Amino acid sequence: MNTKWLYYAAAATTAIAGILHLVQAPNMLNFNVNGGILFLVGGAAQLFWVIPMIRRWGRVWYSVGIAGTLAFIAIWIITRMPGNPITGRGGMVSEMAIAVESMQFAFVGLTAAVLVIESRRRIDKQTASEAA
């Protein structure tokens, strides 16, 4: 089964999320410097994460990418709640935010699928070598 498309799809989703974060960063810097820095660093990290996905750097890299993306998702969810510990107020949900979060959820799902497929391949190789 050809699963190369999973790696490319995961790379595309994190690239889109990273670009959208970088597009929003200048507005965030004017509004909240810490938020703007988070958008700059997060967007750059998401763009970087295209490389481990396309080059297939391995399970550790994929797992770190999932963890980092889940952290971004958690921060977004927390900052939408009124009286949250980060901003102290609830946030509006913009169309751009929905697009970013959709890409991030897609990245997590696709990368999790990559991890499952690679685990199955590893088990199949072990079973085949033990049988031989």
Protein backbone atom coordinates (compact mmCIF):
# COMPACT_ATOMS: atom_id res chain seq x y z
CA MET A 1 0.00 0.00 0.00
CA ASN A 2 1.38 3.41 -1.00
CA THR A 3 1.14 5.75 1.99
CA LYS A 4 3.42 8.49 0.71
CA TRP A 5 0.41 10.80 0.33
CA LEU A 6 -0.14 10.73 4.13
CA TYR A 7 3.26 12.31 4.75
CA TYR A 8 2.67 14.98 2.11
CA ALA A 9 -0.85 15.72 3.36
CA ALA A 10 0.41 16.09 6.95
CA ALA A 11 3.20 18.37 5.71
CA ALA A 12 0.69 20.48 3.77
CA THR A 13 -1.66 20.89 6.72
CA THR A 14 1.09 22.03 9.09
CA ALA A 15 2.49 24.35 6.41
CA ILE A 16 -0.91 25.99 5.91
CA ALA A 17 -1.41 26.38 9.67
CA GLY A 18 2.09 27.87 9.99
CA ILE A 19 1.54 30.34 7.15
CA LEU A 20 -1.79 31.43 8.63
CA HIS A 21 -0.16 31.93 12.03
CA LEU A 22 2.58 34.04 10.44
CA VAL A 23 -0.01 36.11 8.54
CA GLN A 24 -1.78 36.86 11.83
CA ALA A 25 1.41 37.64 13.77
CA PRO A 26 1.73 41.36 12.82
CA ASN A 27 -1.82 42.09 14.02
CA MET A 28 -1.20 40.15 17.21
CA LEU A 29 2.05 42.04 17.87
CA ASN A 30 0.07 45.31 17.84
CA PHE A 31 -2.57 43.88 20.17
CA ASN A 32 -0.54 41.62 22.48
CA VAL A 33 3.24 41.27 22.20
CA ASN A 34 3.33 37.85 23.90
CA GLY A 35 0.59 36.55 21.61
CA GLY A 36 2.40 37.96 18.60
CA ILE A 37 5.62 36.22 19.59
CA LEU A 38 3.71 32.97 20.09
CA PHE A 39 2.26 33.33 16.58
CA LEU A 40 5.70 34.05 15.08
CA VAL A 41 7.48 31.20 16.86
CA GLY A 42 4.57 28.79 16.41
CA GLY A 43 4.17 29.61 12.73
CA ALA A 44 7.90 29.17 12.12
CA ALA A 45 7.87 25.85 13.99
CA GLN A 46 4.91 24.63 11.96
CA LEU A 47 6.65 25.56 8.72
CA PHE A 48 9.79 23.78 9.90
CA TRP A 49 7.73 20.67 10.63
CA VAL A 50 7.16 20.20 6.92
CA ILE A 51 10.74 18.89 6.68
CA PRO A 52 10.44 15.98 9.16
CA MET A 53 7.19 14.90 7.50
CA ILE A 54 8.44 14.96 3.92
CA ARG A 55 11.87 13.55 4.75
CA ARG A 56 10.29 10.92 7.06
CA TRP A 57 12.55 11.60 10.04
CA GLY A 58 10.76 9.10 12.23
CA ARG A 59 8.40 8.42 15.08
CA VAL A 60 10.04 10.73 17.62
CA TRP A 61 9.74 13.72 15.30
CA TYR A 62 6.15 12.86 14.43
CA SER A 63 5.25 12.52 18.11
CA VAL A 64 6.84 15.86 18.99
CA GLY A 65 4.93 17.47 16.12
CA ILE A 66 1.66 16.06 17.41
CA ALA A 67 2.42 17.20 20.98
CA GLY A 68 3.32 20.72 19.87
CA THR A 69 0.24 21.02 17.71
CA LEU A 70 -1.99 19.75 20.53
CA ALA A 71 -0.43 22.41 22.77
CA PHE A 72 -1.39 25.09 20.22
CA ILE A 73 -4.92 23.70 20.07
CA ALA A 74 -5.17 23.67 23.88
CA ILE A 75 -3.99 27.28 24.12
CA TRP A 76 -6.57 28.31 21.52
CA ILE A 77 -9.38 26.51 23.39
CA ILE A 78 -8.34 27.97 26.74
CA THR A 79 -8.16 31.51 25.39
CA ARG A 80 -11.70 31.26 24.04
CA MET A 81 -13.11 30.69 27.56
CA PRO A 82 -14.26 33.69 29.63
CA GLY A 83 -12.09 34.32 32.68
CA ASN A 84 -9.25 32.19 31.33
CA PRO A 85 -5.83 32.34 33.02
CA ILE A 86 -4.02 33.61 29.91
CA THR A 87 -5.99 36.65 28.79
CA GLY A 88 -8.63 36.91 31.52
CA ARG A 89 -11.40 37.18 28.96
CA GLY A 90 -13.01 35.06 26.31
CA GLY A 91 -12.00 35.46 22.72
CA MET A 92 -13.93 35.70 19.52
CA VAL A 93 -13.73 32.91 16.99
CA SER A 94 -12.75 34.22 13.58
CA GLU A 95 -12.86 32.47 10.25
CA MET A 96 -9.06 32.51 10.17
CA ALA A 97 -8.94 30.80 13.56
CA ILE A 98 -11.31 28.09 12.35
CA ALA A 99 -9.08 27.53 9.31
CA VAL A 100 -5.94 27.29 11.48
CA GLU A 101 -7.55 24.92 13.95
CA SER A 102 -8.94 22.76 11.13
CA MET A 103 -5.46 22.41 9.64
CA GLN A 104 -3.98 21.62 13.05
CA PHE A 105 -6.58 18.93 13.78
CA ALA A 106 -5.97 17.48 10.31
CA PHE A 107 -2.21 17.43 10.98
CA VAL A 108 -2.73 15.56 14.26
CA GLY A 109 -5.00 13.00 12.60
CA LEU A 110 -2.79 12.44 9.57
CA THR A 111 0.37 12.19 11.65
CA ALA A 112 -1.31 9.77 14.05
CA ALA A 113 -2.23 7.65 11.02
CA VAL A 114 1.43 7.74 9.94
CA LEU A 115 2.46 6.52 13.40
CA VAL A 116 -0.04 3.66 13.28
CA ILE A 117 1.05 2.58 9.81
CA GLU A 118 4.74 2.70 10.74
CA SER A 119 4.03 0.67 13.90
CA ARG A 120 2.24 -1.99 11.86
CA ARG A 121 5.11 -2.13 9.38
CA ARG A 122 7.60 -2.52 12.22
CA ILE A 123 5.56 -5.39 13.70
CA ASP A 124 5.23 -7.05 10.29
CA LYS A 125 9.01 -6.84 9.74
CA GLN A 126 9.69 -8.35 13.18
CA THR A 127 7.24 -11.14 12.56
CA ALA A 128 8.75 -11.87 9.14
CA SER A 129 12.33 -11.91 10.51
CA GLU A 130 11.31 -14.21 13.37
CA ALA A 131 9.59 -16.58 10.95
CA ALA A 132 12.69 -16.80 8.75
